[in-house]
């Protein structure tokens, strides 16, 4: 059990918000940040695929691999990265 930062009522650790006052928990905020980071990484990957398909991707193989690994890394590690913000 954790205490709500707003009203002080004890709530379950798995709760996304306080049932008493509706204040979102830290876990809820973290999930939203992680979702945003994952959507950004999907967008970055989509942009790379689009540029490759239309022939405007001028990066070499090493740069392309680093870009791809960055997209995958952000997607996989979105939750730990979200804790940094």
N, C-alpha and C. Protein backbone atom coordinates (compact mmCIF):
# COMPACT_ATOMS: atom_id res chain seq x y z
N UNK A 1 0.84 -1.18 0.00
CA UNK A 1 0.00 0.00 0.00
C UNK A 1 0.89 1.25 0.00
N UNK A 2 0.43 2.25 -0.74
CA UNK A 2 1.11 3.54 -0.77
C UNK A 2 0.10 4.63 -0.40
N UNK A 3 0.61 5.76 -0.01
CA UNK A 3 -0.27 6.88 0.33
C UNK A 3 -0.40 7.81 -0.86
N UNK A 4 -1.62 8.30 -1.03
CA UNK A 4 -1.89 9.28 -2.08
C UNK A 4 -1.18 10.58 -1.72
N UNK A 5 -0.52 11.17 -2.70
CA UNK A 5 0.20 12.42 -2.46
C UNK A 5 -0.75 13.58 -2.24
N UNK A 6 -1.97 13.47 -2.73
CA UNK A 6 -2.93 14.57 -2.63
C UNK A 6 -3.74 14.52 -1.34
N UNK A 7 -4.40 13.36 -1.09
CA UNK A 7 -5.31 13.30 0.06
C UNK A 7 -4.78 12.46 1.23
N UNK A 8 -3.72 11.68 1.01
CA UNK A 8 -3.13 10.89 2.08
C UNK A 8 -3.77 9.53 2.31
N UNK A 9 -4.82 9.19 1.55
CA UNK A 9 -5.47 7.89 1.71
C UNK A 9 -4.57 6.79 1.17
N UNK A 10 -4.59 5.62 1.81
CA UNK A 10 -3.79 4.49 1.35
C UNK A 10 -4.48 3.85 0.14
N UNK A 11 -3.68 3.60 -0.89
CA UNK A 11 -4.19 2.96 -2.10
C UNK A 11 -3.25 1.83 -2.47
N UNK A 12 -3.74 0.92 -3.28
CA UNK A 12 -2.94 -0.21 -3.73
C UNK A 12 -1.82 0.22 -4.65
N UNK A 13 -0.73 -0.51 -4.64
CA UNK A 13 0.42 -0.16 -5.48
C UNK A 13 0.13 -0.30 -6.97
N UNK A 14 -0.84 -1.12 -7.32
CA UNK A 14 -1.19 -1.31 -8.72
C UNK A 14 -2.20 -0.29 -9.22
N UNK A 15 -2.71 0.55 -8.33
CA UNK A 15 -3.71 1.54 -8.72
C UNK A 15 -3.08 2.59 -9.62
N UNK A 16 -3.86 3.04 -10.61
CA UNK A 16 -3.38 4.09 -11.50
C UNK A 16 -3.76 5.48 -10.99
N UNK A 17 -4.77 5.51 -10.11
CA UNK A 17 -5.17 6.78 -9.51
C UNK A 17 -5.83 6.51 -8.17
N UNK A 18 -5.92 7.55 -7.36
CA UNK A 18 -6.55 7.43 -6.05
C UNK A 18 -8.07 7.34 -6.22
N UNK A 19 -8.71 6.33 -5.64
CA UNK A 19 -10.17 6.23 -5.77
C UNK A 19 -10.90 7.34 -5.02
N UNK A 20 -10.23 7.95 -4.06
CA UNK A 20 -10.86 9.01 -3.25
C UNK A 20 -10.86 10.35 -3.97
N UNK A 21 -9.68 10.80 -4.42
CA UNK A 21 -9.57 12.14 -5.02
C UNK A 21 -9.27 12.13 -6.52
N UNK A 22 -8.89 10.97 -7.07
CA UNK A 22 -8.61 10.87 -8.50
C UNK A 22 -7.21 11.27 -8.92
N UNK A 23 -6.36 11.57 -7.96
CA UNK A 23 -4.97 11.96 -8.26
C UNK A 23 -4.24 10.78 -8.90
N UNK A 24 -3.63 10.98 -10.10
CA UNK A 24 -2.88 9.89 -10.73
C UNK A 24 -1.64 9.52 -9.90
N UNK A 25 -1.32 8.23 -9.90
CA UNK A 25 -0.14 7.77 -9.17
C UNK A 25 1.11 7.96 -10.03
N UNK A 26 2.26 7.81 -9.42
CA UNK A 26 3.53 7.92 -10.16
C UNK A 26 3.61 6.84 -11.23
N UNK A 27 3.09 5.64 -10.94
CA UNK A 27 3.10 4.56 -11.93
C UNK A 27 2.29 4.95 -13.17
N UNK A 28 1.18 5.60 -12.95
CA UNK A 28 0.35 6.06 -14.07
C UNK A 28 1.10 7.07 -14.93
N UNK A 29 1.77 8.01 -14.30
CA UNK A 29 2.55 9.00 -15.04
C UNK A 29 3.69 8.34 -15.81
N UNK A 30 4.32 7.37 -15.18
CA UNK A 30 5.43 6.66 -15.81
C UNK A 30 4.95 5.89 -17.03
N UNK A 31 3.80 5.25 -16.93
CA UNK A 31 3.25 4.51 -18.08
C UNK A 31 2.95 5.45 -19.25
N UNK A 32 2.42 6.64 -18.95
CA UNK A 32 2.12 7.59 -20.02
C UNK A 32 3.40 8.06 -20.70
N UNK A 33 4.43 8.36 -19.93
CA UNK A 33 5.70 8.79 -20.50
C UNK A 33 6.30 7.67 -21.36
N UNK A 34 6.23 6.43 -20.87
CA UNK A 34 6.78 5.29 -21.62
C UNK A 34 6.01 5.11 -22.93
N UNK A 35 4.69 5.29 -22.90
CA UNK A 35 3.89 5.17 -24.12
C UNK A 35 4.30 6.23 -25.13
N UNK A 36 4.51 7.45 -24.67
CA UNK A 36 4.91 8.53 -25.57
C UNK A 36 6.27 8.21 -26.19
N UNK A 37 7.21 7.73 -25.39
CA UNK A 37 8.53 7.36 -25.93
C UNK A 37 8.42 6.24 -26.95
N UNK A 38 7.56 5.26 -26.69
CA UNK A 38 7.39 4.16 -27.65
C UNK A 38 6.78 4.66 -28.95
N UNK A 39 5.82 5.57 -28.87
CA UNK A 39 5.23 6.12 -30.08
C UNK A 39 6.25 6.93 -30.87
N UNK A 40 7.11 7.67 -30.18
CA UNK A 40 8.17 8.41 -30.86
C UNK A 40 9.12 7.45 -31.58
N UNK A 41 9.48 6.34 -30.91
CA UNK A 41 10.40 5.38 -31.55
C UNK A 41 9.76 4.72 -32.76
N UNK A 42 8.46 4.45 -32.70
CA UNK A 42 7.76 3.88 -33.86
C UNK A 42 7.74 4.89 -34.99
N UNK A 43 7.51 6.16 -34.66
CA UNK A 43 7.54 7.21 -35.68
C UNK A 43 8.91 7.35 -36.32
N UNK A 44 9.96 7.29 -35.50
CA UNK A 44 11.32 7.37 -36.03
C UNK A 44 11.60 6.21 -36.98
N UNK A 45 11.17 5.01 -36.59
CA UNK A 45 11.38 3.83 -37.43
C UNK A 45 10.60 3.97 -38.73
N UNK A 46 9.34 4.43 -38.62
CA UNK A 46 8.53 4.63 -39.82
C UNK A 46 9.14 5.65 -40.77
N UNK A 47 9.70 6.72 -40.22
CA UNK A 47 10.36 7.73 -41.05
C UNK A 47 11.56 7.14 -41.77
N UNK A 48 12.33 6.29 -41.09
CA UNK A 48 13.47 5.65 -41.72
C UNK A 48 13.01 4.74 -42.86
N UNK A 49 12.00 3.93 -42.60
CA UNK A 49 11.50 3.01 -43.63
C UNK A 49 10.96 3.79 -44.84
N UNK A 50 10.23 4.87 -44.56
CA UNK A 50 9.70 5.70 -45.65
C UNK A 50 10.83 6.28 -46.49
N UNK A 51 11.85 6.85 -45.82
CA UNK A 51 12.96 7.45 -46.56
C UNK A 51 13.73 6.42 -47.37
N UNK A 52 13.87 5.22 -46.85
CA UNK A 52 14.54 4.15 -47.60
C UNK A 52 13.70 3.77 -48.81
N UNK A 53 12.38 3.68 -48.63
CA UNK A 53 11.51 3.24 -49.73
C UNK A 53 11.43 4.25 -50.87
N UNK A 54 11.53 5.54 -50.57
CA UNK A 54 11.47 6.55 -51.64
C UNK A 54 12.85 6.95 -52.13
N UNK A 55 13.89 6.38 -51.56
CA UNK A 55 15.25 6.60 -52.04
C UNK A 55 15.90 7.87 -51.54
N UNK A 56 15.41 8.42 -50.42
CA UNK A 56 16.01 9.65 -49.89
C UNK A 56 16.82 9.40 -48.63
N UNK A 57 17.11 8.15 -48.33
CA UNK A 57 17.91 7.81 -47.14
C UNK A 57 19.36 7.74 -47.58
N UNK A 58 20.15 8.74 -47.18
CA UNK A 58 21.53 8.84 -47.65
C UNK A 58 22.54 8.41 -46.60
N UNK A 59 22.09 7.89 -45.48
CA UNK A 59 23.01 7.43 -44.45
C UNK A 59 23.66 6.12 -44.89
N UNK A 60 24.88 5.94 -44.44
CA UNK A 60 25.58 4.71 -44.75
C UNK A 60 25.08 3.56 -43.88
N UNK A 61 25.64 2.37 -44.06
CA UNK A 61 25.15 1.21 -43.31
C UNK A 61 25.38 1.33 -41.80
N UNK A 62 26.48 1.92 -41.39
CA UNK A 62 26.76 2.05 -39.95
C UNK A 62 25.76 3.02 -39.32
N UNK A 63 25.54 4.17 -39.97
CA UNK A 63 24.59 5.15 -39.44
C UNK A 63 23.17 4.58 -39.39
N UNK A 64 22.81 3.82 -40.43
CA UNK A 64 21.49 3.20 -40.47
C UNK A 64 21.31 2.20 -39.33
N UNK A 65 22.35 1.41 -39.09
CA UNK A 65 22.29 0.44 -38.00
C UNK A 65 22.17 1.14 -36.65
N UNK A 66 22.93 2.21 -36.44
CA UNK A 66 22.84 2.96 -35.18
C UNK A 66 21.46 3.58 -35.00
N UNK A 67 20.88 4.11 -36.07
CA UNK A 67 19.54 4.69 -36.02
C UNK A 67 18.52 3.62 -35.65
N UNK A 68 18.62 2.46 -36.30
CA UNK A 68 17.70 1.36 -36.02
C UNK A 68 17.84 0.88 -34.58
N UNK A 69 19.08 0.73 -34.10
CA UNK A 69 19.29 0.30 -32.72
C UNK A 69 18.76 1.34 -31.73
N UNK A 70 18.85 2.61 -32.06
CA UNK A 70 18.29 3.65 -31.21
C UNK A 70 16.78 3.51 -31.12
N UNK A 71 16.12 3.31 -32.25
CA UNK A 71 14.66 3.13 -32.26
C UNK A 71 14.25 1.92 -31.42
N UNK A 72 14.93 0.81 -31.62
CA UNK A 72 14.61 -0.41 -30.87
C UNK A 72 14.91 -0.23 -29.39
N UNK A 73 16.03 0.39 -29.07
CA UNK A 73 16.40 0.61 -27.68
C UNK A 73 15.41 1.49 -26.95
N UNK A 74 14.96 2.57 -27.59
CA UNK A 74 13.96 3.43 -26.96
C UNK A 74 12.67 2.65 -26.73
N UNK A 75 12.29 1.84 -27.72
CA UNK A 75 11.04 1.09 -27.59
C UNK A 75 11.13 0.09 -26.44
N UNK A 76 12.21 -0.66 -26.35
CA UNK A 76 12.35 -1.70 -25.34
C UNK A 76 12.54 -1.10 -23.94
N UNK A 77 13.36 -0.07 -23.85
CA UNK A 77 13.70 0.49 -22.54
C UNK A 77 12.93 1.78 -22.25
N UNK A 78 11.72 1.90 -22.78
CA UNK A 78 10.95 3.14 -22.61
C UNK A 78 10.65 3.43 -21.15
N UNK A 79 10.30 2.41 -20.38
CA UNK A 79 9.93 2.65 -18.98
C UNK A 79 11.12 3.12 -18.14
N UNK A 80 12.29 2.46 -18.22
CA UNK A 80 13.42 2.98 -17.44
C UNK A 80 13.87 4.37 -17.92
N UNK A 81 13.77 4.62 -19.23
CA UNK A 81 14.14 5.94 -19.74
C UNK A 81 13.15 6.99 -19.27
N UNK A 82 11.87 6.64 -19.18
CA UNK A 82 10.85 7.58 -18.74
C UNK A 82 11.09 8.03 -17.29
N UNK A 83 11.75 7.21 -16.50
CA UNK A 83 12.05 7.59 -15.11
C UNK A 83 13.04 8.75 -15.04
N UNK A 84 13.79 8.95 -16.13
CA UNK A 84 14.78 10.03 -16.15
C UNK A 84 14.14 11.40 -16.32
N UNK A 85 12.90 11.44 -16.80
CA UNK A 85 12.24 12.72 -17.07
C UNK A 85 11.29 13.08 -15.97
